[in-house]
Protein backbone atom coordinates (compact mmCIF):
# COMPACT_ATOMS: atom_id res chain seq x y z
CA MET A 1 5.87 0.52 14.00
CA PHE A 2 7.03 2.52 11.00
CA GLY A 3 9.28 5.57 10.70
CA VAL A 4 8.43 9.24 10.57
CA LEU A 5 7.47 9.35 6.90
CA GLY A 6 5.93 5.89 6.59
CA ILE A 7 2.43 4.68 7.29
CA PRO A 8 2.33 2.77 10.60
CA LYS A 9 1.43 -0.87 10.70
CA GLY A 10 -1.45 -0.02 13.02
CA MET A 11 -3.30 1.79 10.24
CA GLU A 12 -3.03 -1.17 7.91
CA LEU A 13 -4.27 -3.52 10.64
CA ARG A 14 -7.10 -1.12 11.34
CA LYS A 15 -8.25 -1.33 7.71
CA GLN A 16 -8.24 -5.11 7.99
CA ARG A 17 -10.33 -4.99 11.14
CA LEU A 18 -12.84 -2.67 9.49
CA ALA A 19 -13.57 -5.35 6.94
CA GLN A 20 -14.65 -7.62 9.80
CA GLN A 21 -16.66 -5.09 11.82
CA GLN A 22 -19.91 -4.88 9.89
CA GLU A 23 -22.26 -3.69 12.65
CA GLN A 24 -20.44 -1.10 14.77
CA PRO A 25 -19.75 2.42 13.37
CA VAL A 26 -16.07 3.38 13.52
CA ASN A 27 -14.31 6.73 13.38
CA GLY A 28 -11.91 5.92 10.57
CA LEU A 29 -9.76 9.05 10.93
CA LEU A 30 -8.64 8.51 14.51
CA ALA A 31 -5.53 6.58 13.46
CA ALA A 32 -4.89 8.95 10.58
CA ARG A 33 -4.86 12.00 12.87
CA GLN A 34 -2.32 10.27 15.07
CA VAL A 35 -0.14 9.56 12.04
CA ALA A 36 -0.34 13.18 10.89
CA GLN A 37 0.71 14.41 14.34
CA SER A 38 3.68 12.06 14.34
CA ILE A 39 4.75 13.47 10.96
CA PHE A 40 3.97 17.16 11.26
CA GLY A 41 3.71 17.73 15.02
CA ASP A 42 0.83 18.79 17.23
CA GLY A 43 0.59 22.20 15.60
CA VAL A 44 -0.90 20.93 12.36
CA PRO A 45 -4.66 21.59 12.24
CA MET A 46 -6.58 18.34 12.15
CA PRO A 47 -10.31 19.16 12.46
CA PRO A 48 -12.45 16.37 13.89
CA PRO A 49 -14.07 14.41 11.06
CA PRO A 50 -17.74 13.47 10.92
CA ARG A 51 -18.42 10.08 12.41
CA PRO A 52 -18.85 7.55 9.57
CA THR A 53 -22.20 5.85 9.34
CA ASN A 54 -20.86 2.49 8.23
CA ILE A 55 -17.73 0.41 7.74
CA LEU A 56 -17.23 1.45 4.11
CA ASP A 57 -17.29 5.14 5.10
CA ALA A 58 -14.69 4.49 7.79
CA ALA A 59 -12.39 2.64 5.40
CA GLU A 60 -12.77 5.41 2.82
CA GLN A 61 -11.84 8.02 5.43
CA ILE A 62 -8.66 6.12 6.24
CA ASP A 63 -7.74 5.87 2.56
CA THR A 64 -8.35 9.59 2.04
CA SER A 65 -6.27 10.47 5.09
CA ILE A 66 -3.33 8.34 3.96
CA LYS A 67 -3.51 10.08 0.58
CA ASN A 68 -3.50 13.53 2.17
CA ILE A 69 -0.61 12.67 4.49
CA SER A 70 1.39 11.23 1.60
CA VAL A 71 0.83 14.31 -0.56
CA GLU A 72 2.02 16.56 2.27
CA ASN A 73 5.12 14.39 2.73
CA THR A 74 6.03 14.71 -0.93
CA LEU A 75 5.42 18.46 -0.95
CA LYS A 76 7.80 18.83 2.00
CA HIS A 77 10.51 17.13 -0.04
CA GLU A 78 9.82 18.98 -3.29
CA GLY A 79 9.64 22.55 -2.03
CA GLY A 80 8.66 25.39 -4.36
CA PHE A 81 9.84 26.73 -7.70
CA GLN A 82 13.28 25.72 -8.98
CA ASN A 83 15.02 25.93 -12.35
CA ASN A 84 18.15 23.85 -11.80
CA LYS A 85 19.86 23.57 -15.18
CA LYS A 86 20.96 20.01 -14.37
CA ASP A 87 17.38 18.82 -13.86
CA SER A 88 16.01 17.51 -17.16
CA GLY A 89 12.46 17.85 -15.87
CA ASN A 90 12.81 21.63 -15.94
CA TYR A 91 12.94 21.77 -19.74
CA VAL A 92 10.36 21.84 -22.51
CA GLY A 93 11.68 21.47 -26.06
CA GLY A 94 15.16 22.37 -24.90
CA LYS A 95 13.98 25.54 -23.19
CA LEU A 96 14.56 25.96 -19.45
CA ILE A 97 11.21 26.61 -17.73
CA GLY A 98 11.46 25.17 -14.22
CA THR A 99 9.27 23.11 -11.91
CA ASN A 100 7.14 24.07 -8.94
CA PHE A 101 6.28 21.77 -6.03
CA GLY A 102 7.89 19.00 -8.07
CA ILE A 103 5.44 19.47 -10.95
CA THR A 104 7.16 19.59 -14.34
CA PRO A 105 6.02 21.89 -17.17
CA GLU A 106 4.95 18.92 -19.29
CA SER A 107 2.94 17.37 -16.44
CA TRP A 108 1.26 20.68 -15.70
CA ALA A 109 0.44 21.25 -19.37
CA ASP A 110 -1.16 17.81 -19.58
CA TYR A 111 -3.11 18.47 -16.37
CA ILE A 112 -4.59 21.78 -17.51
CA GLY A 113 -5.09 20.66 -21.11
CA LYS A 114 -2.55 22.86 -22.87
CA PRO A 115 0.36 22.03 -25.20
CA PRO A 116 3.68 21.85 -23.30
CA SER A 117 5.20 24.47 -25.61
CA SER A 118 2.70 27.03 -24.34
CA ILE A 119 3.81 26.77 -20.70
CA THR A 120 5.89 29.72 -19.50
CA VAL A 121 8.11 30.36 -16.50
CA ASN A 122 5.36 32.52 -14.99
CA ASP A 123 2.84 29.73 -15.47
CA MET A 124 5.00 27.49 -13.32
CA LYS A 125 5.74 30.16 -10.73
CA ASN A 126 2.02 30.87 -10.37
CA ILE A 127 1.18 27.32 -9.28
CA THR A 128 -0.02 27.58 -5.69
CA LYS A 129 0.25 24.96 -2.97
CA ASP A 130 -3.49 24.37 -3.25
CA ASP A 131 -3.01 23.72 -6.97
CA ALA A 132 -0.24 21.26 -6.17
CA VAL A 133 -2.31 19.46 -3.53
CA LYS A 134 -5.13 18.98 -6.02
CA PHE A 135 -2.73 17.92 -8.78
CA TYR A 136 -1.12 15.28 -6.57
CA GLY A 137 -4.42 14.13 -5.14
CA ASP A 138 -5.73 13.57 -8.64
CA THR A 139 -2.49 11.76 -9.53
CA TRP A 140 -2.99 9.43 -6.57
CA ASP A 141 -6.54 8.68 -7.68
CA ARG A 142 -5.61 8.24 -11.34
CA TYR A 143 -3.16 5.46 -10.52
CA LYS A 144 -5.42 3.91 -7.86
CA ILE A 145 -2.62 3.80 -5.33
CA GLY A 146 -5.02 3.35 -2.43
CA SER A 147 -6.41 0.11 -3.85
CA LYS A 148 -3.31 -1.32 -5.54
CA ILE A 149 -0.52 -0.79 -3.04
CA PRO A 150 -0.35 -2.12 0.56
CA THR A 151 -1.07 0.63 3.07
CA ARG A 152 2.40 0.65 4.59
CA LEU A 153 4.03 1.27 1.17
CA GLN A 154 1.61 3.82 -0.26
CA SER A 155 3.39 6.97 0.92
CA GLN A 156 6.77 5.91 -0.42
CA PHE A 157 5.39 4.48 -3.66
CA PHE A 158 3.57 7.74 -4.34
CA ASP A 159 6.77 9.69 -3.72
CA ILE A 160 8.53 7.48 -6.26
CA VAL A 161 5.71 8.10 -8.76
CA VAL A 162 6.30 11.85 -8.40
CA ASN A 163 10.01 11.42 -9.16
CA ASN A 164 10.00 8.57 -11.66
CA GLY A 165 6.52 8.53 -13.18
CA TYR A 166 4.09 5.67 -12.67
CA THR A 167 5.84 3.18 -14.95
CA GLY A 168 9.23 3.97 -13.44
CA ALA A 169 7.86 3.68 -9.92
CA MET A 170 6.28 0.33 -10.73
CA LYS A 171 9.64 -0.92 -12.00
CA VAL A 172 11.29 0.10 -8.72
CA LEU A 173 8.55 -1.74 -6.84
CA GLN A 174 9.05 -4.83 -9.01
CA ASN A 175 12.82 -4.69 -8.63
CA ALA A 176 12.42 -4.63 -4.85
CA SER A 177 10.07 -7.61 -5.10
CA ASP A 178 12.28 -9.67 -7.44
CA VAL A 179 9.72 -9.92 -10.24
CA LYS A 180 9.90 -8.96 -13.91
CA GLU A 181 10.33 -5.19 -14.32
CA ASP A 182 7.75 -4.43 -16.99
CA GLY A 183 6.24 -1.38 -15.31
CA LYS A 184 2.78 -2.96 -15.28
CA PHE A 185 0.67 -3.88 -12.27
CA GLY A 186 -0.71 -7.40 -12.47
CA ASP A 187 -1.41 -10.42 -10.29
CA ILE A 188 2.25 -11.41 -10.03
CA THR A 189 3.27 -7.98 -8.80
CA ARG A 190 0.26 -7.74 -6.50
CA LYS A 191 1.21 -10.97 -4.74
CA ALA A 192 4.93 -10.17 -4.65
CA ILE A 193 4.53 -6.87 -2.80
CA GLN A 194 2.30 -8.12 0.01
CA ASN A 195 5.26 -8.72 2.33
CA LEU A 196 7.57 -6.08 0.91
CA SER A 197 9.03 -3.71 3.50
CA ASN A 198 9.62 0.02 3.22
CA ASP A 199 13.31 -0.61 3.83
CA SER A 200 13.56 -2.96 0.86
CA LEU A 201 11.65 -0.57 -1.40
CA ALA A 202 13.82 2.37 -0.33
CA GLN A 203 16.98 0.37 -0.95
CA ALA A 204 15.82 -0.64 -4.43
CA ARG A 205 14.98 3.00 -5.11
CA GLU A 206 18.46 4.09 -4.12
CA ASP A 207 20.20 1.27 -5.99
CA MET A 208 18.41 2.13 -9.23
CA LEU A 209 19.62 5.74 -9.19
CA SER A 210 22.54 6.40 -11.48
CA LYS A 211 25.87 7.50 -10.03
CA GLU A 212 25.57 10.72 -12.02
CA TYR A 213 22.15 11.46 -10.51
CA LYS A 214 23.42 10.85 -6.99
CA LYS A 215 26.32 13.20 -7.66
CA GLN A 216 24.06 15.95 -9.01
CA PHE A 217 21.44 15.62 -6.28
CA PRO A 218 23.22 14.58 -3.06
CA GLY A 219 20.19 15.50 -0.95
CA TYR A 220 18.11 12.83 -2.63
CA LYS A 221 19.59 10.08 -0.47
CA LYS A 222 18.19 11.77 2.62
CA ARG A 223 14.78 11.77 0.98
CA VAL A 224 15.02 8.06 0.20
CA ASN A 225 16.27 7.23 3.68
CA SER A 226 13.37 9.08 5.27
CA PHE A 227 11.13 6.17 4.27
CA LYS A 228 13.32 3.56 5.90
CA ASN A 229 12.03 2.42 9.24
CA GLY A 230 13.62 -0.87 10.16
CA GLN A 231 10.70 -2.89 8.85
């Protein structure tokens, strides 16, 4: 059983069972709703999903639910607009702009198809939570996290992607798995992470932070530790 911000082992096992159950329809979001309640409490609206018509639909519903839960986790950590002068991600061409929901000006510019230099403080402040949810959902899909990363690690890996970029996050994953840190996902990395725990990944994430970063952002350790679960 995993911690508050991880994905429970039961969900991963459920996905494995779905691959074997080819005849009986399954409600693939049952486990996901339980996970969401464990993370956000009973007050979070979780409308009943339509019953999937086949195994592939059920598996897809689980994948989508894990993505949604992971995005919400990251948004809880990131918060809203901030323009901390010590945060290099808040700058464009040496000019302090700020980030919103953890989205940097350069990332937002790339997402909406504009040059980074054109992004203003108001542009960043005007990003809504719905905008952020879509941005992060598209980021998840772009890097194929649902198909590349073991279910139990997806939430934490995605959170690392948000902080370190995809290549940086892959290097953290590889460091935790004791394989070459080239930032690329291949067969060696795929095999190495199959038995990797959230604890080991979180520890590698913390170890790779510079002392200066830890000093500037003391709350970051709490964020990293939130993914540890004794597994």
